[in-house]
Each structure stands twice: as structure tokens, then as C-alpha cells.
PDB file of N, CA and C in Angstrom:
ATOM      1  N   MET A   1     106.379  91.228 127.161  1.00  0.00           N
ATOM      2  CA  MET A   1     106.485  91.048 125.724  1.00  0.00           C
ATOM      3  C   MET A   1     105.077  90.971 125.152  1.00  0.00           C
ATOM      4  N   THR A   2     104.926  91.479 123.947  1.00  0.00           N
ATOM      5  CA  THR A   2     103.648  91.407 123.253  1.00  0.00           C
ATOM      6  C   THR A   2     103.907  91.130 121.777  1.00  0.00           C
ATOM      7  N   ASN A   3     102.864  90.884 121.026  1.00  0.00           N
ATOM      8  CA  ASN A   3     102.992  90.544 119.611  1.00  0.00           C
ATOM      9  C   ASN A   3     102.342  91.635 118.780  1.00  0.00           C
ATOM     10  N   ILE A   4     103.033  92.127 117.787  1.00  0.00           N
ATOM     11  CA  ILE A   4     102.556  93.235 116.944  1.00  0.00           C
ATOM     12  C   ILE A   4     101.269  92.883 116.195  1.00  0.00           C
ATOM     13  N   PHE A   5     101.011  91.594 115.991  1.00  0.00           N
ATOM     14  CA  PHE A   5      99.837  91.153 115.233  1.00  0.00           C
ATOM     15  C   PHE A   5      98.683  90.703 116.125  1.00  0.00           C
ATOM     16  N   GLN A   6      98.790  90.942 117.416  1.00  0.00           N
ATOM     17  CA  GLN A   6      97.737  90.542 118.347  1.00  0.00           C
ATOM     18  C   GLN A   6      97.266  91.727 119.174  1.00  0.00           C
ATOM     19  N   HIS A   7      96.172  91.525 119.855  1.00  0.00           N
ATOM     20  CA  HIS A   7      95.613  92.512 120.785  1.00  0.00           C
ATOM     21  C   HIS A   7      95.305  93.840 120.104  1.00  0.00           C
ATOM     22  N   PHE A   8      94.594  93.755 118.973  1.00  0.00           N
ATOM     23  CA  PHE A   8      94.196  94.966 118.262  1.00  0.00           C
ATOM     24  C   PHE A   8      93.134  95.710 119.073  1.00  0.00           C
ATOM     25  N   PRO A   9      93.142  97.029 119.026  1.00  0.00           N
ATOM     26  CA  PRO A   9      92.087  97.802 119.685  1.00  0.00           C
ATOM     27  C   PRO A   9      90.715  97.467 119.077  1.00  0.00           C
ATOM     28  N   GLU A  10      89.685  97.638 119.867  1.00  0.00           N
ATOM     29  CA  GLU A  10      88.317  97.318 119.446  1.00  0.00           C
ATOM     30  C   GLU A  10      87.936  98.030 118.150  1.00  0.00           C
ATOM     31  N   ALA A  11      88.305  99.300 118.015  1.00  0.00           N
ATOM     32  CA  ALA A  11      87.965 100.055 116.800  1.00  0.00           C
ATOM     33  C   ALA A  11      88.594  99.438 115.561  1.00  0.00           C
ATOM     34  N   ALA A  12      89.788  98.870 115.703  1.00  0.00           N
ATOM     35  CA  ALA A  12      90.439  98.213 114.568  1.00  0.00           C
ATOM     36  C   ALA A  12      89.776  96.867 114.285  1.00  0.00           C
ATOM     37  N   LEU A  13      89.452  96.127 115.328  1.00  0.00           N
ATOM     38  CA  LEU A  13      88.803  94.828 115.147  1.00  0.00           C
ATOM     39  C   LEU A  13      87.464  94.962 114.427  1.00  0.00           C
ATOM     40  N   LYS A  14      86.751  96.041 114.723  1.00  0.00           N
ATOM     41  CA  LYS A  14      85.441  96.273 114.106  1.00  0.00           C
ATOM     42  C   LYS A  14      85.541  97.088 112.821  1.00  0.00           C
ATOM     43  N   ALA A  15      86.764  97.433 112.404  1.00  0.00           N
ATOM     44  CA  ALA A  15      87.011  98.247 111.206  1.00  0.00           C
ATOM     45  C   ALA A  15      86.271  99.571 111.274  1.00  0.00           C
ATOM     46  N   GLU A  16      86.178 100.143 112.471  1.00  0.00           N
ATOM     47  CA  GLU A  16      85.480 101.410 112.667  1.00  0.00           C
ATOM     48  C   GLU A  16      86.387 102.619 112.451  1.00  0.00           C
ATOM     49  N   ALA A  17      87.665 102.437 112.737  1.00  0.00           N
ATOM     50  CA  ALA A  17      88.589 103.576 112.669  1.00  0.00           C
ATOM     51  C   ALA A  17      90.015 103.081 112.542  1.00  0.00           C
ATOM     52  N   GLU A  18      90.858 103.941 111.986  1.00  0.00           N
ATOM     53  CA  GLU A  18      92.293 103.676 111.982  1.00  0.00           C
ATOM     54  C   GLU A  18      92.788 103.922 113.403  1.00  0.00           C
ATOM     55  N   THR A  19      93.689 103.064 113.894  1.00  0.00           N
ATOM     56  CA  THR A  19      94.165 103.220 115.261  1.00  0.00           C
ATOM     57  C   THR A  19      95.674 103.457 115.286  1.00  0.00           C
ATOM     58  N   PHE A  20      96.103 104.219 116.271  1.00  0.00           N
ATOM     59  CA  PHE A  20      97.498 104.586 116.470  1.00  0.00           C
ATOM     60  C   PHE A  20      97.855 104.277 117.913  1.00  0.00           C
ATOM     61  N   GLU A  21      98.876 103.444 118.102  1.00  0.00           N
ATOM     62  CA  GLU A  21      99.294 103.071 119.451  1.00  0.00           C
ATOM     63  C   GLU A  21     100.796 103.296 119.606  1.00  0.00           C
ATOM     64  N   THR A  22     101.176 104.067 120.597  1.00  0.00           N
ATOM     65  CA  THR A  22     102.589 104.258 120.887  1.00  0.00           C
ATOM     66  C   THR A  22     103.134 103.013 121.563  1.00  0.00           C
ATOM     67  N   LEU A  23     104.181 102.443 120.979  1.00  0.00           N
ATOM     68  CA  LEU A  23     104.836 101.260 121.535  1.00  0.00           C
ATOM     69  C   LEU A  23     106.045 101.637 122.381  1.00  0.00           C
ATOM     70  N   LEU A  24     106.705 102.723 121.986  1.00  0.00           N
ATOM     71  CA  LEU A  24     107.887 103.203 122.695  1.00  0.00           C
ATOM     72  C   LEU A  24     108.021 104.691 122.448  1.00  0.00           C
ATOM     73  N   SER A  25     108.303 105.415 123.504  1.00  0.00           N
ATOM     74  CA  SER A  25     108.524 106.856 123.372  1.00  0.00           C
ATOM     75  C   SER A  25     109.748 107.232 124.202  1.00  0.00           C
ATOM     76  N   GLN A  26     110.717 107.825 123.543  1.00  0.00           N
ATOM     77  CA  GLN A  26     111.950 108.290 124.172  1.00  0.00           C
ATOM     78  C   GLN A  26     112.247 109.668 123.601  1.00  0.00           C
ATOM     79  N   PRO A  27     113.156 110.408 124.225  1.00  0.00           N
ATOM     80  CA  PRO A  27     113.483 111.714 123.650  1.00  0.00           C
ATOM     81  C   PRO A  27     113.869 111.591 122.173  1.00  0.00           C
ATOM     82  N   ASN A  28     113.229 112.343 121.341  1.00  0.00           N
ATOM     83  CA  ASN A  28     113.499 112.444 119.904  1.00  0.00           C
ATOM     84  C   ASN A  28     113.066 111.255 119.063  1.00  0.00           C
ATOM     85  N   VAL A  29     112.384 110.256 119.666  1.00  0.00           N
ATOM     86  CA  VAL A  29     111.908 109.125 118.869  1.00  0.00           C
ATOM     87  C   VAL A  29     110.617 108.564 119.473  1.00  0.00           C
ATOM     88  N   ARG A  30     109.690 108.188 118.594  1.00  0.00           N
ATOM     89  CA  ARG A  30     108.456 107.520 119.009  1.00  0.00           C
ATOM     90  C   ARG A  30     108.174 106.412 118.000  1.00  0.00           C
ATOM     91  N   ILE A  31     107.894 105.222 118.506  1.00  0.00           N
ATOM     92  CA  ILE A  31     107.556 104.089 117.648  1.00  0.00           C
ATOM     93  C   ILE A  31     106.095 103.764 117.885  1.00  0.00           C
ATOM     94  N   GLU A  32     105.341 103.644 116.799  1.00  0.00           N
ATOM     95  CA  GLU A  32     103.928 103.350 116.955  1.00  0.00           C
ATOM     96  C   GLU A  32     103.464 102.279 115.983  1.00  0.00           C
ATOM     97  N   ARG A  33     102.410 101.595 116.414  1.00  0.00           N
ATOM     98  CA  ARG A  33     101.721 100.634 115.554  1.00  0.00           C
ATOM     99  C   ARG A  33     100.476 101.342 115.044  1.00  0.00           C
ATOM    100  N   ILE A  34     100.298 101.302 113.730  1.00  0.00           N
ATOM    101  CA  ILE A  34      99.115 101.863 113.095  1.00  0.00           C
ATOM    102  C   ILE A  34      98.371 100.706 112.454  1.00  0.00           C
ATOM    103  N   ILE A  35      97.083 100.638 112.697  1.00  0.00           N
ATOM    104  CA  ILE A  35      96.259  99.615 112.073  1.00  0.00           C
ATOM    105  C   ILE A  35      95.197 100.314 111.240  1.00  0.00           C
ATOM    106  N   SER A  36      95.232 100.066 109.943  1.00  0.00           N
ATOM    107  CA  SER A  36      94.270 100.646 109.003  1.00  0.00           C
ATOM    108  C   SER A  36      93.368  99.541 108.491  1.00  0.00           C
ATOM    109  N   THR A  37      92.100  99.857 108.334  1.00  0.00           N
ATOM    110  CA  THR A  37      91.127  98.873 107.844  1.00  0.00           C
ATOM    111  C   THR A  37      90.304  99.504 106.727  1.00  0.00           C
ATOM    112  N   GLY A  38      91.001  99.877 105.654  1.00  0.00           N
ATOM    113  CA  GLY A  38      90.323 100.481 104.503  1.00  0.00           C
ATOM    114  C   GLY A  38      90.301 102.000 104.526  1.00  0.00           C
ATOM    115  N   GLN A  39      90.918 102.614 105.524  1.00  0.00           N
ATOM    116  CA  GLN A  39      90.903 104.074 105.607  1.00  0.00           C
ATOM    117  C   GLN A  39      91.864 104.710 104.607  1.00  0.00           C
ATOM    118  N   ALA A  40      91.631 105.978 104.336  1.00  0.00           N
ATOM    119  CA  ALA A  40      92.493 106.813 103.505  1.00  0.00           C
ATOM    120  C   ALA A  40      92.463 108.220 104.094  1.00  0.00           C
ATOM    121  N   SER A  41      93.425 109.042 103.694  1.00  0.00           N
ATOM    122  CA  SER A  41      93.397 110.433 104.135  1.00  0.00           C
ATOM    123  C   SER A  41      92.165 111.113 103.546  1.00  0.00           C
ATOM    124  N   PRO A  42      91.571 112.034 104.286  1.00  0.00           N
ATOM    125  CA  PRO A  42      90.418 112.753 103.752  1.00  0.00           C
ATOM    126  C   PRO A  42      90.776 113.485 102.453  1.00  0.00           C
ATOM    127  N   GLU A  43      89.809 113.627 101.580  1.00  0.00           N
ATOM    128  CA  GLU A  43      90.008 114.314 100.302  1.00  0.00           C
ATOM    129  C   GLU A  43      90.635 115.693 100.539  1.00  0.00           C
ATOM    130  N   GLY A  44      91.727 115.973  99.841  1.00  0.00           N
ATOM    131  CA  GLY A  44      92.393 117.266  99.944  1.00  0.00           C
ATOM    132  C   GLY A  44      93.288 117.439 101.155  1.00  0.00           C
ATOM    133  N   PHE A  45      93.351 116.447 102.043  1.00  0.00           N
ATOM    134  CA  PHE A  45      94.167 116.541 103.253  1.00  0.00           C
ATOM    135  C   PHE A  45      95.570 116.018 102.998  1.00  0.00           C
ATOM    136  N   TRP A  46      96.568 116.741 103.507  1.00  0.00           N
ATOM    137  CA  TRP A  46      97.971 116.327 103.419  1.00  0.00           C
ATOM    138  C   TRP A  46      98.583 116.371 104.802  1.00  0.00           C
ATOM    139  N   TYR A  47      99.265 115.291 105.175  1.00  0.00           N
ATOM    140  CA  TYR A  47     100.073 115.321 106.388  1.00  0.00           C
ATOM    141  C   TYR A  47     101.301 116.175 106.100  1.00  0.00           C
ATOM    142  N   CYS A  48     101.714 116.951 107.080  1.00  0.00           N
ATOM    143  CA  CYS A  48     102.953 117.732 106.983  1.00  0.00           C
ATOM    144  C   CYS A  48     103.493 117.836 108.402  1.00  0.00           C
ATOM    145  N   GLN A  49     104.384 116.927 108.748  1.00  0.00           N
ATOM    146  CA  GLN A  49     104.837 116.773 110.116  1.00  0.00           C
ATOM    147  C   GLN A  49     106.183 117.447 110.347  1.00  0.00           C
ATOM    148  N   PRO A  50     106.394 117.971 111.545  1.00  0.00           N
ATOM    149  CA  PRO A  50     107.673 118.623 111.845  1.00  0.00           C
ATOM    150  C   PRO A  50     108.817 117.636 112.040  1.00  0.00           C
ATOM    151  N   GLN A  51     108.509 116.333 112.164  1.00  0.00           N
ATOM    152  CA  GLN A  51     109.538 115.312 112.358  1.00  0.00           C
ATOM    153  C   GLN A  51     109.564 114.362 111.164  1.00  0.00           C
ATOM    154  N   GLY A  52     110.654 113.626 111.037  1.00  0.00           N
ATOM    155  CA  GLY A  52     110.741 112.584 110.021  1.00  0.00           C
ATOM    156  C   GLY A  52     109.959 111.359 110.477  1.00  0.00           C
ATOM    157  N   GLU A  53     109.565 110.530 109.502  1.00  0.00           N
ATOM    158  CA  GLU A  53     108.842 109.302 109.826  1.00  0.00           C
ATOM    159  C   GLU A  53     109.288 108.202 108.871  1.00  0.00           C
ATOM    160  N   TRP A  54     109.758 107.110 109.440  1.00  0.00           N
ATOM    161  CA  TRP A  54     110.107 105.920 108.672  1.00  0.00           C
ATOM    162  C   TRP A  54     108.996 104.925 108.920  1.00  0.00           C
ATOM    163  N   VAL A  55     108.370 104.411 107.851  1.00  0.00           N
ATOM    164  CA  VAL A  55     107.258 103.468 108.021  1.00  0.00           C
ATOM    165  C   VAL A  55     107.508 102.210 107.208  1.00  0.00           C
ATOM    166  N   VAL A  56     107.046 101.085 107.773  1.00  0.00           N
ATOM    167  CA  VAL A  56     107.095  99.800 107.086  1.00  0.00           C
ATOM    168  C   VAL A  56     105.707  99.175 107.198  1.00  0.00           C
ATOM    169  N   VAL A  57     105.248  98.595 106.108  1.00  0.00           N
ATOM    170  CA  VAL A  57     104.005  97.827 106.125  1.00  0.00           C
ATOM    171  C   VAL A  57     104.370  96.401 106.514  1.00  0.00           C
ATOM    172  N   LEU A  58     103.809  95.940 107.622  1.00  0.00           N
ATOM    173  CA  LEU A  58     104.091  94.588 108.106  1.00  0.00           C
ATOM    174  C   LEU A  58     103.066  93.575 107.589  1.00  0.00           C
ATOM    175  N   GLN A  59     101.860  94.050 107.334  1.00  0.00           N
ATOM    176  CA  GLN A  59     100.761  93.195 106.876  1.00  0.00           C
ATOM    177  C   GLN A  59      99.807  94.064 106.077  1.00  0.00           C
ATOM    178  N   GLY A  60      99.225  93.508 105.025  1.00  0.00           N
ATOM    179  CA  GLY A  60      98.268  94.258 104.219  1.00  0.00           C
ATOM    180  C   GLY A  60      98.958  95.057 103.129  1.00  0.00           C
ATOM    181  N   SER A  61      98.313  96.141 102.723  1.00  0.00           N
ATOM    182  CA  SER A  61      98.878  96.988 101.665  1.00  0.00           C
ATOM    183  C   SER A  61      98.279  98.382 101.758  1.00  0.00           C
ATOM    184  N   ALA A  62      98.946  99.326 101.097  1.00  0.00           N
ATOM    185  CA  ALA A  62      98.507 100.716 101.145  1.00  0.00           C
ATOM    186  C   ALA A  62      99.095 101.484  99.967  1.00  0.00           C
ATOM    187  N   GLY A  63      98.490 102.609  99.655  1.00  0.00           N
ATOM    188  CA  GLY A  63      98.995 103.523  98.645  1.00  0.00           C
ATOM    189  C   GLY A  63      99.374 104.836  99.301  1.00  0.00           C
ATOM    190  N   LEU A  64     100.624 105.230  99.203  1.00  0.00           N
ATOM    191  CA  LEU A  64     101.141 106.456  99.813  1.00  0.00           C
ATOM    192  C   LEU A  64     101.574 107.397  98.703  1.00  0.00           C
ATOM    193  N   ARG A  65     101.173 108.663  98.813  1.00  0.00           N
ATOM    194  CA  ARG A  65     101.538 109.632  97.780  1.00  0.00           C
ATOM    195  C   ARG A  65     102.119 110.880  98.412  1.00  0.00           C
ATOM    196  N   PHE A  66     103.165 111.396  97.779  1.00  0.00           N
ATOM    197  CA  PHE A  66     103.762 112.664  98.170  1.00  0.00           C
ATOM    198  C   PHE A  66     103.211 113.747  97.264  1.00  0.00           C
ATOM    199  N   GLU A  67     103.028 114.926  97.806  1.00  0.00           N
ATOM    200  CA  GLU A  67     102.424 116.030  97.045  1.00  0.00           C
ATOM    201  C   GLU A  67     103.235 116.367  95.793  1.00  0.00           C
ATOM    202  N   ASN A  68     104.544 116.256  95.874  1.00  0.00           N
ATOM    203  CA  ASN A  68     105.391 116.643  94.738  1.00  0.00           C
ATOM    204  C   ASN A  68     105.612 115.505  93.740  1.00  0.00           C
ATOM    205  N   GLU A  69     104.859 114.411  93.886  1.00  0.00           N
ATOM    206  CA  GLU A  69     104.977 113.275  92.969  1.00  0.00           C
ATOM    207  C   GLU A  69     103.596 112.880  92.476  1.00  0.00           C
ATOM    208  N   SER A  70     103.482 112.529  91.219  1.00  0.00           N
ATOM    209  CA  SER A  70     102.184 112.089  90.708  1.00  0.00           C
ATOM    210  C   SER A  70     101.945 110.605  90.959  1.00  0.00           C
ATOM    211  N   GLU A  71     103.007 109.848  91.121  1.00  0.00           N
ATOM    212  CA  GLU A  71     102.905 108.399  91.312  1.00  0.00           C
ATOM    213  C   GLU A  71     102.545 108.043  92.754  1.00  0.00           C
ATOM    214  N   VAL A  72     101.662 107.077  92.902  1.00  0.00           N
ATOM    215  CA  VAL A  72     101.329 106.539  94.221  1.00  0.00           C
ATOM    216  C   VAL A  72     102.293 105.391  94.503  1.00  0.00           C
ATOM    217  N   HIS A  73     102.900 105.417  95.672  1.00  0.00           N
ATOM    218  CA  HIS A  73     103.781 104.328  96.090  1.00  0.00           C
ATOM    219  C   HIS A  73     102.900 103.214  96.644  1.00  0.00           C
ATOM    220  N   VAL A  74     102.817 102.100  95.931  1.00  0.00           N
ATOM    221  CA  VAL A  74     102.053 100.945  96.393  1.00  0.00           C
ATOM    222  C   VAL A  74     102.945 100.151  97.330  1.00  0.00           C
ATOM    223  N   MET A  75     102.502 100.033  98.582  1.00  0.00           N
ATOM    224  CA  MET A  75     103.291  99.374  99.612  1.00  0.00           C
ATOM    225  C   MET A  75     102.642  98.054  99.993  1.00  0.00           C
ATOM    226  N   GLN A  76     103.441  96.994  99.932  1.00  0.00           N
ATOM    227  CA  GLN A  76     103.020  95.655 100.332  1.00  0.00           C
ATOM    228  C   GLN A  76     103.800  95.277 101.591  1.00  0.00           C
ATOM    229  N   ALA A  77     103.438  94.170 102.198  1.00  0.00           N
ATOM    230  CA  ALA A  77     104.145  93.711 103.394  1.00  0.00           C
ATOM    231  C   ALA A  77     105.648  93.649 103.127  1.00  0.00           C
ATOM    232  N   GLY A  78     106.409  94.271 103.997  1.00  0.00           N
ATOM    233  CA  GLY A  78     107.865  94.312 103.873  1.00  0.00           C
ATOM    234  C   GLY A  78     108.394  95.598 103.265  1.00  0.00           C
ATOM    235  N   ASP A  79     107.544  96.359 102.585  1.00  0.00           N
ATOM    236  CA  ASP A  79     107.990  97.617 101.962  1.00  0.00           C
ATOM    237  C   ASP A  79     108.083  98.714 103.011  1.00  0.00           C
ATOM    238  N   PHE A  80     109.142  99.517 102.901  1.00  0.00           N
ATOM    239  CA  PHE A  80     109.305 100.643 103.823  1.00  0.00           C
ATOM    240  C   PHE A  80     109.725 101.882 103.062  1.00  0.00           C
ATOM    241  N   ILE A  81     109.496 103.029 103.694  1.00  0.00           N
ATOM    242  CA  ILE A  81     109.821 104.307 103.070  1.00  0.00           C
ATOM    243  C   ILE A  81     110.124 105.322 104.163  1.00  0.00           C
ATOM    244  N   ASN A  82     111.000 106.253 103.860  1.00  0.00           N
ATOM    245  CA  ASN A  82     111.304 107.349 104.772  1.00  0.00           C
ATOM    246  C   ASN A  82     110.540 108.585 104.308  1.00  0.00           C
ATOM    247  N   ILE A  83     109.849 109.213 105.221  1.00  0.00           N
ATOM    248  CA  ILE A  83     109.119 110.446 104.932  1.00  0.00           C
ATOM    249  C   ILE A  83     109.849 111.571 105.654  1.00  0.00           C
ATOM    250  N   PRO A  84     110.569 112.420 104.923  1.00  0.00           N
ATOM    251  CA  PRO A  84     111.312 113.494 105.578  1.00  0.00           C
ATOM    252  C   PRO A  84     110.387 114.486 106.288  1.00  0.00           C
ATOM    253  N   ALA A  85     110.928 115.159 107.277  1.00  0.00           N
ATOM    254  CA  ALA A  85     110.175 116.213 107.956  1.00  0.00           C
ATOM    255  C   ALA A  85     109.664 117.215 106.922  1.00  0.00           C
ATOM    256  N   GLN A  86     108.462 117.693 107.124  1.00  0.00           N
ATOM    257  CA  GLN A  86     107.803 118.702 106.285  1.00  0.00           C
ATOM    258  C   GLN A  86     107.419 118.211 104.884  1.00  0.00           C
ATOM    259  N   ALA A  87     107.574 116.924 104.610  1.00  0.00           N
ATOM    260  CA  ALA A  87     107.183 116.390 103.295  1.00  0.00           C
ATOM    261  C   ALA A  87     105.671 116.153 103.308  1.00  0.00           C
ATOM    262  N   ARG A  88     104.960 116.867 102.472  1.00  0.00           N
ATOM    263  CA  ARG A  88     103.506 116.713 102.406  1.00  0.00           C
ATOM    264  C   ARG A  88     103.179 115.380 101.729  1.00  0.00           C
ATOM    265  N   HIS A  89     102.371 114.577 102.424  1.00  0.00           N
ATOM    266  CA  HIS A  89     102.047 113.233 101.948  1.00  0.00           C
ATOM    267  C   HIS A  89     100.653 112.854 102.416  1.00  0.00           C
ATOM    268  N   ARG A  90     100.103 111.821 101.798  1.00  0.00           N
ATOM    269  CA  ARG A  90      98.775 111.337 102.161  1.00  0.00           C
ATOM    270  C   ARG A  90      98.673 109.844 101.895  1.00  0.00           C
ATOM    271  N   VAL A  91      97.751 109.208 102.568  1.00  0.00           N
ATOM    272  CA  VAL A  91      97.455 107.805 102.326  1.00  0.00           C
ATOM    273  C   VAL A  91      96.279 107.776 101.360  1.00  0.00           C
ATOM    274  N   GLU A  92      96.508 107.272 100.150  1.00  0.00           N
ATOM    275  CA  GLU A  92      95.459 107.231  99.132  1.00  0.00           C
ATOM    276  C   GLU A  92      94.463 106.115  99.402  1.00  0.00           C
ATOM    277  N   TRP A  93      94.946 104.991  99.927  1.00  0.00           N
ATOM    278  CA  TRP A  93      94.072 103.859 100.229  1.00  0.00           C
ATOM    279  C   TRP A  93      94.818 102.877 101.126  1.00  0.00           C
ATOM    280  N   THR A  94      94.055 102.074 101.844  1.00  0.00           N
ATOM    281  CA  THR A  94      94.599 100.914 102.548  1.00  0.00           C
ATOM    282  C   THR A  94      93.699  99.729 102.230  1.00  0.00           C
ATOM    283  N   ASP A  95      94.251  98.557 102.389  1.00  0.00           N
ATOM    284  CA  ASP A  95      93.568  97.315 102.048  1.00  0.00           C
ATOM    285  C   ASP A  95      92.212  97.225 102.751  1.00  0.00           C
ATOM    286  N   ALA A  96      91.158  97.037 101.995  1.00  0.00           N
ATOM    287  CA  ALA A  96      89.806  96.918 102.549  1.00  0.00           C
ATOM    288  C   ALA A  96      89.457  95.470 102.877  1.00  0.00           C
ATOM    289  N   ASN A  97      90.324  94.525 102.509  1.00  0.00           N
ATOM    290  CA  ASN A  97      90.036  93.098 102.715  1.00  0.00           C
ATOM    291  C   ASN A  97      90.655  92.529 103.982  1.00  0.00           C
ATOM    292  N   GLY A  98      91.321  93.345 104.738  1.00  0.00           N
ATOM    293  CA  GLY A  98      91.959  92.903 105.975  1.00  0.00           C
ATOM    294  C   GLY A  98      92.796  94.029 106.523  1.00  0.00           C
ATOM    295  N   PRO A  99      93.236  93.915 107.756  1.00  0.00           N
ATOM    296  CA  PRO A  99      93.993  95.016 108.349  1.00  0.00           C
ATOM    297  C   PRO A  99      95.357  95.227 107.697  1.00  0.00           C
ATOM    298  N   THR A 100      95.703  96.483 107.566  1.00  0.00           N
ATOM    299  CA  THR A 100      97.064  96.869 107.194  1.00  0.00           C
ATOM    300  C   THR A 100      97.745  97.298 108.490  1.00  0.00           C
ATOM    301  N   VAL A 101      98.824  96.623 108.820  1.00  0.00           N
ATOM    302  CA  VAL A 101      99.565  96.911 110.044  1.00  0.00           C
ATOM    303  C   VAL A 101     100.859  97.601 109.643  1.00  0.00           C
ATOM    304  N   TRP A 102     101.027  98.805 110.152  1.00  0.00           N
ATOM    305  CA  TRP A 102     102.223  99.619 109.901  1.00  0.00           C
ATOM    306  C   TRP A 102     103.045  99.694 111.182  1.00  0.00           C
ATOM    307  N   LEU A 103     104.348  99.832 111.031  1.00  0.00           N
ATOM    308  CA  LEU A 103     105.218 100.212 112.125  1.00  0.00           C
ATOM    309  C   LEU A 103     105.827 101.543 111.715  1.00  0.00           C
ATOM    310  N   ALA A 104     105.616 102.556 112.532  1.00  0.00           N
ATOM    311  CA  ALA A 104     106.100 103.902 112.213  1.00  0.00           C
ATOM    312  C   ALA A 104     107.116 104.337 113.260  1.00  0.00           C
ATOM    313  N   VAL A 105     108.244 104.836 112.795  1.00  0.00           N
ATOM    314  CA  VAL A 105     109.276 105.381 113.668  1.00  0.00           C
ATOM    315  C   VAL A 105     109.364 106.871 113.372  1.00  0.00           C
ATOM    316  N   HIS A 106     108.908 107.675 114.327  1.00  0.00           N
ATOM    317  CA  HIS A 106     108.984 109.133 114.215  1.00  0.00           C
ATOM    318  C   HIS A 106     110.304 109.563 114.880  1.00  0.00           C
ATOM    319  N   TYR A 107     111.092 110.342 114.161  1.00  0.00           N
ATOM    320  CA  TYR A 107     112.394 110.729 114.691  1.00  0.00           C
ATOM    321  C   TYR A 107     112.613 112.227 114.509  1.00  0.00           C
ATOM    322  N   GLY A 108     113.515 112.770 115.322  1.00  0.00           N
ATOM    323  CA  GLY A 108     113.754 114.212 115.282  1.00  0.00           C
ATOM    324  C   GLY A 108     112.589 114.977 115.872  1.00  0.00           C
ATOM    325  N   LEU A 109     111.941 114.381 116.874  1.00  0.00           N
ATOM    326  CA  LEU A 109     110.767 114.997 117.492  1.00  0.00           C
ATOM    327  C   LEU A 109     111.147 116.263 118.251  1.00  0.00           C
ATOM    328  N   VAL A 110     110.274 117.219 118.157  1.00  0.00           N
ATOM    329  CA  VAL A 110     110.378 118.389 119.029  1.00  0.00           C
ATOM    330  C   VAL A 110     109.611 118.042 120.297  1.00  0.00           C
ATOM    331  N   ASP A 111     109.903 118.674 121.388  1.00  0.00           N
ATOM    332  CA  ASP A 111     109.221 118.368 122.653  1.00  0.00           C
ATOM    333  C   ASP A 111     107.721 118.457 122.481  1.00  0.00           C
ATOM    334  N   ASP A 112     107.029 117.399 122.931  1.00  0.00           N
ATOM    335  CA  ASP A 112     105.567 117.353 122.878  1.00  0.00           C
ATOM    336  C   ASP A 112     104.966 118.124 124.025  1.00  0.00           C
TER     337      ASP A 112
END
């Protein structure tokens, strides 16, 4: 057993980089912990994934935007959203005052 709020990777502890850790991987599903420390998607970059992704912010906050929407979804601890496969989206900002801890469930995965 481990705790989602403990044992952060060194890069996250030093706020050097956003980190992605697979917690569970099974056919067609992957659960990961993402730790952001003020990062955002690069200017002009959009994620467009072949699988769906359900994400919840467990700690901190973030701004998530979909390409087809002008509004930024401000996410606080406890907020979750489903990102359908092929939905172009980006992270506009994450909390710079402390780590933002996400739990992401990727589903409908094609073989890696």
C-alpha cells in the first residue's frame, strides 16, 4: 500500500518538471498520478489522445481548456472531468504555490 500524497519523485519535489507515474496498468485501462508544479502546456500545443481520459484534481488547482471552447475549466480539489478520445485539450496553468496532484484514468487504450 502507498499514499497518493507521499513519495513524490525528485523532479516534482524540486518543481523541476511535471511527473507522470503509472499506478495501475491493465488491458484497456491505465491509472496514473500526475504531479504538476506550475507547469502548463507549451504555447500552441494541444493534446489529442486516441483514448479517453477521466481526470480528477486531488490537490491544488489547474486550468483546462478544450480547443472547441473559449472558456477555461478552473479545476479545484475534488473537481473531475471526462476528456473524450480525440478531444483536443491543453493545460493552461497549474498552481504555482504548491503541487497539483491529479489522478488520471486512461480508458479504451489501444495496445501500447
